[in-house]
Amino acid sequence: MAYVSSKSELQEAIRKKEKNITVTGSLAKKLKPLAKTNKLNKSNNPTTQAALVGSLSLAGIGTAVAITLIVTVGLVVIIAILKDYNVTLKNGDQEVVLERN
């Protein structure tokens, strides 16, 4: 299990395909809206920022929040999270737990 609190640590954990990743701190607060989404349909993976914003908006995440997520974390990381991980909240939504499928 990997514990991360920065964008670079999260990117590294995803690159290493960690089975479980616990995100803490301010990064967890930014990723919290992803817990509302379901896994992306692999046949319909968004590959552009506009497509990802649209997918997140359909999942109930506002456009401004979706854009902030993309700017903060990055398109590739968000797509990897949504495609490969189940996202849940832990400790009263202070942590975001990513569990690899």
PDB file of N, CA and C in Angstrom:
ATOM      1  N   MET A   1       0.854  -1.175   0.000  1.00  0.00           N
ATOM      2  CA  MET A   1       0.000   0.000   0.000  1.00  0.00           C
ATOM      3  C   MET A   1       0.895   1.232   0.000  1.00  0.00           C
ATOM      4  N   ALA A   2       0.524   2.197  -0.818  1.00  0.00           N
ATOM      5  CA  ALA A   2       1.264   3.448  -0.910  1.00  0.00           C
ATOM      6  C   ALA A   2       0.446   4.572  -0.287  1.00  0.00           C
ATOM      7  N   TYR A   3       1.114   5.415   0.474  1.00  0.00           N
ATOM      8  CA  TYR A   3       0.505   6.629   1.021  1.00  0.00           C
ATOM      9  C   TYR A   3       1.119   7.810   0.301  1.00  0.00           C
ATOM     10  N   VAL A   4       0.274   8.662  -0.286  1.00  0.00           N
ATOM     11  CA  VAL A   4       0.771   9.803  -1.050  1.00  0.00           C
ATOM     12  C   VAL A   4       0.055  11.077  -0.620  1.00  0.00           C
ATOM     13  N   SER A   5       0.765  12.192  -0.767  1.00  0.00           N
ATOM     14  CA  SER A   5       0.145  13.475  -0.437  1.00  0.00           C
ATOM     15  C   SER A   5       0.472  14.548  -1.463  1.00  0.00           C
ATOM     16  N   SER A   6       1.187  14.175  -2.522  1.00  0.00           N
ATOM     17  CA  SER A   6       1.519  15.152  -3.563  1.00  0.00           C
ATOM     18  C   SER A   6       1.239  14.561  -4.941  1.00  0.00           C
ATOM     19  N   LYS A   7       1.133  15.437  -5.904  1.00  0.00           N
ATOM     20  CA  LYS A   7       0.867  15.021  -7.283  1.00  0.00           C
ATOM     21  C   LYS A   7       1.964  14.094  -7.784  1.00  0.00           C
ATOM     22  N   SER A   8       3.220  14.427  -7.525  1.00  0.00           N
ATOM     23  CA  SER A   8       4.328  13.599  -8.020  1.00  0.00           C
ATOM     24  C   SER A   8       4.325  12.216  -7.378  1.00  0.00           C
ATOM     25  N   GLU A   9       3.998  12.143  -6.081  1.00  0.00           N
ATOM     26  CA  GLU A   9       3.910  10.838  -5.422  1.00  0.00           C
ATOM     27  C   GLU A   9       2.770  10.014  -5.999  1.00  0.00           C
ATOM     28  N   LEU A  10       1.639  10.662  -6.290  1.00  0.00           N
ATOM     29  CA  LEU A  10       0.499   9.967  -6.882  1.00  0.00           C
ATOM     30  C   LEU A  10       0.850   9.459  -8.274  1.00  0.00           C
ATOM     31  N   GLN A  11       1.476  10.288  -9.070  1.00  0.00           N
ATOM     32  CA  GLN A  11       1.885   9.872 -10.417  1.00  0.00           C
ATOM     33  C   GLN A  11       2.804   8.661 -10.351  1.00  0.00           C
ATOM     34  N   GLU A  12       3.748   8.670  -9.424  1.00  0.00           N
ATOM     35  CA  GLU A  12       4.687   7.557  -9.278  1.00  0.00           C
ATOM     36  C   GLU A  12       3.974   6.284  -8.837  1.00  0.00           C
ATOM     37  N   ALA A  13       3.060   6.387  -7.896  1.00  0.00           N
ATOM     38  CA  ALA A  13       2.316   5.215  -7.426  1.00  0.00           C
ATOM     39  C   ALA A  13       1.475   4.620  -8.548  1.00  0.00           C
ATOM     40  N   ILE A  14       0.859   5.462  -9.349  1.00  0.00           N
ATOM     41  CA  ILE A  14       0.058   4.975 -10.481  1.00  0.00           C
ATOM     42  C   ILE A  14       0.963   4.353 -11.536  1.00  0.00           C
ATOM     43  N   ARG A  15       2.111   4.985 -11.782  1.00  0.00           N
ATOM     44  CA  ARG A  15       3.063   4.440 -12.756  1.00  0.00           C
ATOM     45  C   ARG A  15       3.528   3.041 -12.336  1.00  0.00           C
ATOM     46  N   LYS A  16       3.718   2.855 -11.028  1.00  0.00           N
ATOM     47  CA  LYS A  16       4.151   1.558 -10.498  1.00  0.00           C
ATOM     48  C   LYS A  16       3.000   0.565 -10.377  1.00  0.00           C
ATOM     49  N   LYS A  17       1.792   1.023 -10.686  1.00  0.00           N
ATOM     50  CA  LYS A  17       0.589   0.187 -10.623  1.00  0.00           C
ATOM     51  C   LYS A  17       0.381  -0.394  -9.224  1.00  0.00           C
ATOM     52  N   GLU A  18       0.537   0.472  -8.218  1.00  0.00           N
ATOM     53  CA  GLU A  18       0.293   0.061  -6.837  1.00  0.00           C
ATOM     54  C   GLU A  18      -1.131  -0.462  -6.705  1.00  0.00           C
ATOM     55  N   LYS A  19      -1.302  -1.522  -5.941  1.00  0.00           N
ATOM     56  CA  LYS A  19      -2.628  -2.119  -5.775  1.00  0.00           C
ATOM     57  C   LYS A  19      -3.544  -1.207  -4.963  1.00  0.00           C
ATOM     58  N   ASN A  20      -3.034  -0.634  -3.890  1.00  0.00           N
ATOM     59  CA  ASN A  20      -3.812   0.269  -3.045  1.00  0.00           C
ATOM     60  C   ASN A  20      -3.016   1.548  -2.826  1.00  0.00           C
ATOM     61  N   ILE A  21      -3.680   2.671  -3.019  1.00  0.00           N
ATOM     62  CA  ILE A  21      -3.063   3.979  -2.820  1.00  0.00           C
ATOM     63  C   ILE A  21      -3.980   4.783  -1.917  1.00  0.00           C
ATOM     64  N   THR A  22      -3.429   5.308  -0.834  1.00  0.00           N
ATOM     65  CA  THR A  22      -4.185   6.187   0.046  1.00  0.00           C
ATOM     66  C   THR A  22      -3.662   7.601  -0.139  1.00  0.00           C
ATOM     67  N   VAL A  23      -4.541   8.498  -0.552  1.00  0.00           N
ATOM     68  CA  VAL A  23      -4.183   9.892  -0.805  1.00  0.00           C
ATOM     69  C   VAL A  23      -4.634  10.711   0.404  1.00  0.00           C
ATOM     70  N   THR A  24      -3.735  11.540   0.928  1.00  0.00           N
ATOM     71  CA  THR A  24      -4.032  12.337   2.116  1.00  0.00           C
ATOM     72  C   THR A  24      -3.799  13.822   1.825  1.00  0.00           C
ATOM     73  N   GLY A  25      -4.191  14.637   2.784  1.00  0.00           N
ATOM     74  CA  GLY A  25      -3.924  16.067   2.710  1.00  0.00           C
ATOM     75  C   GLY A  25      -4.773  16.799   1.692  1.00  0.00           C
ATOM     76  N   SER A  26      -4.224  17.904   1.208  1.00  0.00           N
ATOM     77  CA  SER A  26      -4.984  18.749   0.276  1.00  0.00           C
ATOM     78  C   SER A  26      -5.251  18.043  -1.047  1.00  0.00           C
ATOM     79  N   LEU A  27      -4.364  17.132  -1.443  1.00  0.00           N
ATOM     80  CA  LEU A  27      -4.597  16.386  -2.678  1.00  0.00           C
ATOM     81  C   LEU A  27      -5.839  15.503  -2.545  1.00  0.00           C
ATOM     82  N   ALA A  28      -6.052  14.925  -1.373  1.00  0.00           N
ATOM     83  CA  ALA A  28      -7.242  14.101  -1.149  1.00  0.00           C
ATOM     84  C   ALA A  28      -8.508  14.939  -1.299  1.00  0.00           C
ATOM     85  N   LYS A  29      -8.474  16.162  -0.798  1.00  0.00           N
ATOM     86  CA  LYS A  29      -9.641  17.041  -0.925  1.00  0.00           C
ATOM     87  C   LYS A  29      -9.943  17.340  -2.385  1.00  0.00           C
ATOM     88  N   LYS A  30      -8.896  17.479  -3.195  1.00  0.00           N
ATOM     89  CA  LYS A  30      -9.097  17.763  -4.615  1.00  0.00           C
ATOM     90  C   LYS A  30      -9.615  16.544  -5.366  1.00  0.00           C
ATOM     91  N   LEU A  31      -9.208  15.350  -4.928  1.00  0.00           N
ATOM     92  CA  LEU A  31      -9.645  14.123  -5.604  1.00  0.00           C
ATOM     93  C   LEU A  31     -10.994  13.606  -5.111  1.00  0.00           C
ATOM     94  N   LYS A  32     -11.483  14.155  -4.022  1.00  0.00           N
ATOM     95  CA  LYS A  32     -12.729  13.695  -3.411  1.00  0.00           C
ATOM     96  C   LYS A  32     -13.889  13.582  -4.402  1.00  0.00           C
ATOM     97  N   PRO A  33     -14.065  14.521  -5.335  1.00  0.00           N
ATOM     98  CA  PRO A  33     -15.187  14.382  -6.283  1.00  0.00           C
ATOM     99  C   PRO A  33     -15.121  13.122  -7.140  1.00  0.00           C
ATOM    100  N   LEU A  34     -13.938  12.538  -7.319  1.00  0.00           N
ATOM    101  CA  LEU A  34     -13.829  11.334  -8.134  1.00  0.00           C
ATOM    102  C   LEU A  34     -14.529  10.146  -7.489  1.00  0.00           C
ATOM    103  N   ALA A  35     -14.773  10.216  -6.180  1.00  0.00           N
ATOM    104  CA  ALA A  35     -15.475   9.127  -5.504  1.00  0.00           C
ATOM    105  C   ALA A  35     -16.923   9.025  -5.993  1.00  0.00           C
ATOM    106  N   LYS A  36     -17.445  10.084  -6.615  1.00  0.00           N
ATOM    107  CA  LYS A  36     -18.812  10.073  -7.141  1.00  0.00           C
ATOM    108  C   LYS A  36     -18.925   9.325  -8.460  1.00  0.00           C
ATOM    109  N   THR A  37     -17.811   9.123  -9.121  1.00  0.00           N
ATOM    110  CA  THR A  37     -17.855   8.553 -10.463  1.00  0.00           C
ATOM    111  C   THR A  37     -17.767   7.033 -10.438  1.00  0.00           C
ATOM    112  N   ASN A  38     -18.218   6.435 -11.492  1.00  0.00           N
ATOM    113  CA  ASN A  38     -18.016   5.015 -11.712  1.00  0.00           C
ATOM    114  C   ASN A  38     -16.801   4.872 -12.606  1.00  0.00           C
ATOM    115  N   LYS A  39     -16.328   3.645 -12.721  1.00  0.00           N
ATOM    116  CA  LYS A  39     -15.229   3.418 -13.650  1.00  0.00           C
ATOM    117  C   LYS A  39     -15.673   3.838 -15.046  1.00  0.00           C
ATOM    118  N   LEU A  40     -14.714   4.362 -15.795  1.00  0.00           N
ATOM    119  CA  LEU A  40     -15.028   4.729 -17.171  1.00  0.00           C
ATOM    120  C   LEU A  40     -15.187   3.480 -18.016  1.00  0.00           C
ATOM    121  N   ASN A  41     -16.076   3.557 -18.962  1.00  0.00           N
ATOM    122  CA  ASN A  41     -16.232   2.482 -19.922  1.00  0.00           C
ATOM    123  C   ASN A  41     -14.966   2.450 -20.775  1.00  0.00           C
ATOM    124  N   LYS A  42     -14.255   1.319 -20.768  1.00  0.00           N
ATOM    125  CA  LYS A  42     -12.974   1.243 -21.472  1.00  0.00           C
ATOM    126  C   LYS A  42     -13.112   1.507 -22.965  1.00  0.00           C
ATOM    127  N   SER A  43     -14.261   1.226 -23.529  1.00  0.00           N
ATOM    128  CA  SER A  43     -14.445   1.467 -24.955  1.00  0.00           C
ATOM    129  C   SER A  43     -14.704   2.939 -25.249  1.00  0.00           C
ATOM    130  N   ASN A  44     -14.945   3.733 -24.211  1.00  0.00           N
ATOM    131  CA  ASN A  44     -15.265   5.141 -24.408  1.00  0.00           C
ATOM    132  C   ASN A  44     -14.359   6.019 -23.539  1.00  0.00           C
ATOM    133  N   ASN A  45     -13.067   5.718 -23.522  1.00  0.00           N
ATOM    134  CA  ASN A  45     -12.124   6.482 -22.717  1.00  0.00           C
ATOM    135  C   ASN A  45     -11.936   7.881 -23.277  1.00  0.00           C
ATOM    136  N   PRO A  46     -12.132   8.901 -22.451  1.00  0.00           N
ATOM    137  CA  PRO A  46     -11.860  10.258 -22.939  1.00  0.00           C
ATOM    138  C   PRO A  46     -10.355  10.447 -23.115  1.00  0.00           C
ATOM    139  N   THR A  47      -9.967  11.068 -24.208  1.00  0.00           N
ATOM    140  CA  THR A  47      -8.535  11.272 -24.464  1.00  0.00           C
ATOM    141  C   THR A  47      -8.188  12.747 -24.541  1.00  0.00           C
ATOM    142  N   THR A  48      -9.165  13.597 -24.404  1.00  0.00           N
ATOM    143  CA  THR A  48      -8.907  15.036 -24.411  1.00  0.00           C
ATOM    144  C   THR A  48      -9.487  15.653 -23.151  1.00  0.00           C
ATOM    145  N   GLN A  49      -9.036  16.840 -22.843  1.00  0.00           N
ATOM    146  CA  GLN A  49      -9.557  17.529 -21.667  1.00  0.00           C
ATOM    147  C   GLN A  49     -11.054  17.779 -21.802  1.00  0.00           C
ATOM    148  N   ALA A  50     -11.484  18.165 -22.973  1.00  0.00           N
ATOM    149  CA  ALA A  50     -12.911  18.445 -23.172  1.00  0.00           C
ATOM    150  C   ALA A  50     -13.748  17.185 -22.967  1.00  0.00           C
ATOM    151  N   ALA A  51     -13.280  16.062 -23.479  1.00  0.00           N
ATOM    152  CA  ALA A  51     -14.017  14.809 -23.318  1.00  0.00           C
ATOM    153  C   ALA A  51     -14.064  14.389 -21.860  1.00  0.00           C
ATOM    154  N   LEU A  52     -12.953  14.581 -21.135  1.00  0.00           N
ATOM    155  CA  LEU A  52     -12.934  14.226 -19.723  1.00  0.00           C
ATOM    156  C   LEU A  52     -13.853  15.129 -18.912  1.00  0.00           C
ATOM    157  N   VAL A  53     -13.837  16.418 -19.198  1.00  0.00           N
ATOM    158  CA  VAL A  53     -14.740  17.344 -18.514  1.00  0.00           C
ATOM    159  C   VAL A  53     -16.178  16.914 -18.754  1.00  0.00           C
ATOM    160  N   GLY A  54     -16.506  16.555 -19.985  1.00  0.00           N
ATOM    161  CA  GLY A  54     -17.856  16.096 -20.305  1.00  0.00           C
ATOM    162  C   GLY A  54     -18.222  14.832 -19.543  1.00  0.00           C
ATOM    163  N   SER A  55     -17.297  13.867 -19.480  1.00  0.00           N
ATOM    164  CA  SER A  55     -17.547  12.618 -18.755  1.00  0.00           C
ATOM    165  C   SER A  55     -17.755  12.869 -17.272  1.00  0.00           C
ATOM    166  N   LEU A  56     -16.917  13.723 -16.691  1.00  0.00           N
ATOM    167  CA  LEU A  56     -17.042  14.026 -15.262  1.00  0.00           C
ATOM    168  C   LEU A  56     -18.326  14.802 -14.983  1.00  0.00           C
ATOM    169  N   SER A  57     -18.696  15.690 -15.893  1.00  0.00           N
ATOM    170  CA  SER A  57     -19.941  16.446 -15.718  1.00  0.00           C
ATOM    171  C   SER A  57     -21.146  15.518 -15.744  1.00  0.00           C
ATOM    172  N   LEU A  58     -21.125  14.536 -16.632  1.00  0.00           N
ATOM    173  CA  LEU A  58     -22.213  13.564 -16.689  1.00  0.00           C
ATOM    174  C   LEU A  58     -22.274  12.716 -15.420  1.00  0.00           C
ATOM    175  N   ALA A  59     -21.133  12.559 -14.756  1.00  0.00           N
ATOM    176  CA  ALA A  59     -21.083  11.768 -13.527  1.00  0.00           C
ATOM    177  C   ALA A  59     -21.491  12.583 -12.309  1.00  0.00           C
ATOM    178  N   GLY A  60     -21.851  13.844 -12.510  1.00  0.00           N
ATOM    179  CA  GLY A  60     -22.318  14.656 -11.399  1.00  0.00           C
ATOM    180  C   GLY A  60     -21.278  15.591 -10.818  1.00  0.00           C
ATOM    181  N   ILE A  61     -20.149  15.684 -11.479  1.00  0.00           N
ATOM    182  CA  ILE A  61     -19.103  16.604 -11.029  1.00  0.00           C
ATOM    183  C   ILE A  61     -19.201  17.852 -11.894  1.00  0.00           C
ATOM    184  N   GLY A  62     -19.278  19.002 -11.271  1.00  0.00           N
ATOM    185  CA  GLY A  62     -19.424  20.252 -12.003  1.00  0.00           C
ATOM    186  C   GLY A  62     -18.255  20.534 -12.931  1.00  0.00           C
ATOM    187  N   THR A  63     -18.516  21.314 -13.957  1.00  0.00           N
ATOM    188  CA  THR A  63     -17.491  21.643 -14.946  1.00  0.00           C
ATOM    189  C   THR A  63     -16.293  22.331 -14.310  1.00  0.00           C
ATOM    190  N   ALA A  64     -16.536  23.286 -13.424  1.00  0.00           N
ATOM    191  CA  ALA A  64     -15.426  23.998 -12.785  1.00  0.00           C
ATOM    192  C   ALA A  64     -14.575  23.048 -11.945  1.00  0.00           C
ATOM    193  N   VAL A  65     -15.219  22.121 -11.237  1.00  0.00           N
ATOM    194  CA  VAL A  65     -14.484  21.147 -10.431  1.00  0.00           C
ATOM    195  C   VAL A  65     -13.679  20.218 -11.333  1.00  0.00           C
ATOM    196  N   ALA A  66     -14.275  19.776 -12.434  1.00  0.00           N
ATOM    197  CA  ALA A  66     -13.583  18.897 -13.373  1.00  0.00           C
ATOM    198  C   ALA A  66     -12.342  19.589 -13.954  1.00  0.00           C
ATOM    199  N   ILE A  67     -12.491  20.837 -14.335  1.00  0.00           N
ATOM    200  CA  ILE A  67     -11.349  21.579 -14.894  1.00  0.00           C
ATOM    201  C   ILE A  67     -10.262  21.748 -13.838  1.00  0.00           C
ATOM    202  N   THR A  68     -10.652  22.045 -12.611  1.00  0.00           N
ATOM    203  CA  THR A  68      -9.676  22.180 -11.526  1.00  0.00           C
ATOM    204  C   THR A  68      -8.922  20.874 -11.304  1.00  0.00           C
ATOM    205  N   LEU A  69      -9.623  19.752 -11.336  1.00  0.00           N
ATOM    206  CA  LEU A  69      -8.970  18.444 -11.192  1.00  0.00           C
ATOM    207  C   LEU A  69      -7.943  18.221 -12.291  1.00  0.00           C
ATOM    208  N   ILE A  70      -8.316  18.520 -13.523  1.00  0.00           N
ATOM    209  CA  ILE A  70      -7.405  18.323 -14.648  1.00  0.00           C
ATOM    210  C   ILE A  70      -6.167  19.189 -14.498  1.00  0.00           C
ATOM    211  N   VAL A  71      -6.359  20.443 -14.138  1.00  0.00           N
ATOM    212  CA  VAL A  71      -5.229  21.365 -13.982  1.00  0.00           C
ATOM    213  C   VAL A  71      -4.339  20.922 -12.822  1.00  0.00           C
ATOM    214  N   THR A  72      -4.951  20.504 -11.722  1.00  0.00           N
ATOM    215  CA  THR A  72      -4.189  20.144 -10.525  1.00  0.00           C
ATOM    216  C   THR A  72      -3.456  18.817 -10.673  1.00  0.00           C
ATOM    217  N   VAL A  73      -4.146  17.802 -11.140  1.00  0.00           N
ATOM    218  CA  VAL A  73      -3.591  16.458 -11.146  1.00  0.00           C
ATOM    219  C   VAL A  73      -3.101  16.026 -12.520  1.00  0.00           C
ATOM    220  N   GLY A  74      -3.769  16.451 -13.554  1.00  0.00           N
ATOM    221  CA  GLY A  74      -3.365  16.091 -14.904  1.00  0.00           C
ATOM    222  C   GLY A  74      -4.313  15.096 -15.537  1.00  0.00           C
ATOM    223  N   LEU A  75      -4.476  15.235 -16.831  1.00  0.00           N
ATOM    224  CA  LEU A  75      -5.389  14.408 -17.610  1.00  0.00           C
ATOM    225  C   LEU A  75      -5.030  12.927 -17.527  1.00  0.00           C
ATOM    226  N   VAL A  76      -3.763  12.595 -17.711  1.00  0.00           N
ATOM    227  CA  VAL A  76      -3.343  11.197 -17.747  1.00  0.00           C
ATOM    228  C   VAL A  76      -3.593  10.517 -16.403  1.00  0.00           C
ATOM    229  N   VAL A  77      -3.296  11.212 -15.312  1.00  0.00           N
ATOM    230  CA  VAL A  77      -3.491  10.635 -13.977  1.00  0.00           C
ATOM    231  C   VAL A  77      -4.972  10.399 -13.703  1.00  0.00           C
ATOM    232  N   ILE A  78      -5.818  11.355 -14.028  1.00  0.00           N
ATOM    233  CA  ILE A  78      -7.254  11.199 -13.777  1.00  0.00           C
ATOM    234  C   ILE A  78      -7.820  10.049 -14.593  1.00  0.00           C
ATOM    235  N   ILE A  79      -7.438   9.951 -15.844  1.00  0.00           N
ATOM    236  CA  ILE A  79      -7.922   8.849 -16.684  1.00  0.00           C
ATOM    237  C   ILE A  79      -7.453   7.514 -16.114  1.00  0.00           C
ATOM    238  N   ALA A  80      -6.184   7.443 -15.676  1.00  0.00           N
ATOM    239  CA  ALA A  80      -5.668   6.202 -15.080  1.00  0.00           C
ATOM    240  C   ALA A  80      -6.440   5.842 -13.823  1.00  0.00           C
ATOM    241  N   ILE A  81      -6.738   6.834 -12.997  1.00  0.00           N
ATOM    242  CA  ILE A  81      -7.495   6.580 -11.769  1.00  0.00           C
ATOM    243  C   ILE A  81      -8.880   6.038 -12.110  1.00  0.00           C
ATOM    244  N   LEU A  82      -9.575   6.710 -12.998  1.00  0.00           N
ATOM    245  CA  LEU A  82     -10.949   6.313 -13.327  1.00  0.00           C
ATOM    246  C   LEU A  82     -11.006   4.975 -14.056  1.00  0.00           C
ATOM    247  N   LYS A  83      -9.992   4.693 -14.845  1.00  0.00           N
ATOM    248  CA  LYS A  83      -9.972   3.472 -15.638  1.00  0.00           C
ATOM    249  C   LYS A  83      -9.556   2.255 -14.811  1.00  0.00           C
ATOM    250  N   ASP A  84      -8.576   2.421 -13.928  1.00  0.00           N
ATOM    251  CA  ASP A  84      -7.954   1.278 -13.269  1.00  0.00           C
ATOM    252  C   ASP A  84      -8.259   1.122 -11.786  1.00  0.00           C
ATOM    253  N   TYR A  85      -8.877   2.120 -11.165  1.00  0.00           N
ATOM    254  CA  TYR A  85      -9.040   2.089  -9.715  1.00  0.00           C
ATOM    255  C   TYR A  85     -10.497   2.340  -9.305  1.00  0.00           C
ATOM    256  N   ASN A  86     -10.891   1.728  -8.198  1.00  0.00           N
ATOM    257  CA  ASN A  86     -12.131   2.077  -7.517  1.00  0.00           C
ATOM    258  C   ASN A  86     -11.770   3.159  -6.516  1.00  0.00           C
ATOM    259  N   VAL A  87     -12.533   4.216  -6.478  1.00  0.00           N
ATOM    260  CA  VAL A  87     -12.248   5.366  -5.622  1.00  0.00           C
ATOM    261  C   VAL A  87     -13.262   5.405  -4.481  1.00  0.00           C
ATOM    262  N   THR A  88     -12.752   5.422  -3.239  1.00  0.00           N
ATOM    263  CA  THR A  88     -13.627   5.513  -2.075  1.00  0.00           C
ATOM    264  C   THR A  88     -13.067   6.534  -1.095  1.00  0.00           C
ATOM    265  N   LEU A  89     -13.942   7.029  -0.240  1.00  0.00           N
ATOM    266  CA  LEU A  89     -13.537   7.965   0.801  1.00  0.00           C
ATOM    267  C   LEU A  89     -13.356   7.208   2.110  1.00  0.00           C
ATOM    268  N   LYS A  90     -12.432   7.692   2.931  1.00  0.00           N
ATOM    269  CA  LYS A  90     -12.119   7.040   4.196  1.00  0.00           C
ATOM    270  C   LYS A  90     -11.873   8.105   5.258  1.00  0.00           C
ATOM    271  N   ASN A  91     -12.058   7.743   6.498  1.00  0.00           N
ATOM    272  CA  ASN A  91     -11.826   8.656   7.630  1.00  0.00           C
ATOM    273  C   ASN A  91     -12.618   9.950   7.494  1.00  0.00           C
ATOM    274  N   GLY A  92     -13.916   9.794   7.314  1.00  0.00           N
ATOM    275  CA  GLY A  92     -14.763  10.974   7.214  1.00  0.00           C
ATOM    276  C   GLY A  92     -14.387  11.865   6.056  1.00  0.00           C
ATOM    277  N   ASP A  93     -14.074  11.308   4.954  1.00  0.00           N
ATOM    278  CA  ASP A  93     -13.677  11.943   3.691  1.00  0.00           C
ATOM    279  C   ASP A  93     -12.371  12.745   3.773  1.00  0.00           C
ATOM    280  N   GLN A  94     -11.513  12.403   4.739  1.00  0.00           N
ATOM    281  CA  GLN A  94     -10.197  13.055   4.844  1.00  0.00           C
ATOM    282  C   GLN A  94      -9.153  12.355   3.980  1.00  0.00           C
ATOM    283  N   GLU A  95      -9.449  11.129   3.557  1.00  0.00           N
ATOM    284  CA  GLU A  95      -8.539  10.364   2.715  1.00  0.00           C
ATOM    285  C   GLU A  95      -9.318   9.809   1.519  1.00  0.00           C
ATOM    286  N   VAL A  96      -8.637   9.688   0.414  1.00  0.00           N
ATOM    287  CA  VAL A  96      -9.200   9.044  -0.767  1.00  0.00           C
ATOM    288  C   VAL A  96      -8.402   7.756  -0.973  1.00  0.00           C
ATOM    289  N   VAL A  97      -9.101   6.638  -1.049  1.00  0.00           N
ATOM    290  CA  VAL A  97      -8.450   5.350  -1.223  1.00  0.00           C
ATOM    291  C   VAL A  97      -8.705   4.866  -2.639  1.00  0.00           C
ATOM    292  N   LEU A  98      -7.619   4.529  -3.321  1.00  0.00           N
ATOM    293  CA  LEU A  98      -7.688   3.992  -4.675  1.00  0.00           C
ATOM    294  C   LEU A  98      -7.331   2.521  -4.613  1.00  0.00           C
ATOM    295  N   GLU A  99      -8.259   1.671  -5.058  1.00  0.00           N
ATOM    296  CA  GLU A  99      -8.004   0.226  -5.061  1.00  0.00           C
ATOM    297  C   GLU A  99      -8.005  -0.251  -6.509  1.00  0.00           C
ATOM    298  N   ARG A 100      -6.877  -0.820  -6.896  1.00  0.00           N
ATOM    299  CA  ARG A 100      -6.715  -1.269  -8.283  1.00  0.00           C
ATOM    300  C   ARG A 100      -7.626  -2.460  -8.564  1.00  0.00           C
ATOM    301  N   ASN A 101      -8.254  -2.431  -9.719  1.00  0.00           N
ATOM    302  CA  ASN A 101      -9.151  -3.520 -10.155  1.00  0.00           C
ATOM    303  C   ASN A 101      -8.361  -4.736 -10.538  1.00  0.00           C
TER     304      ASN A 101
END
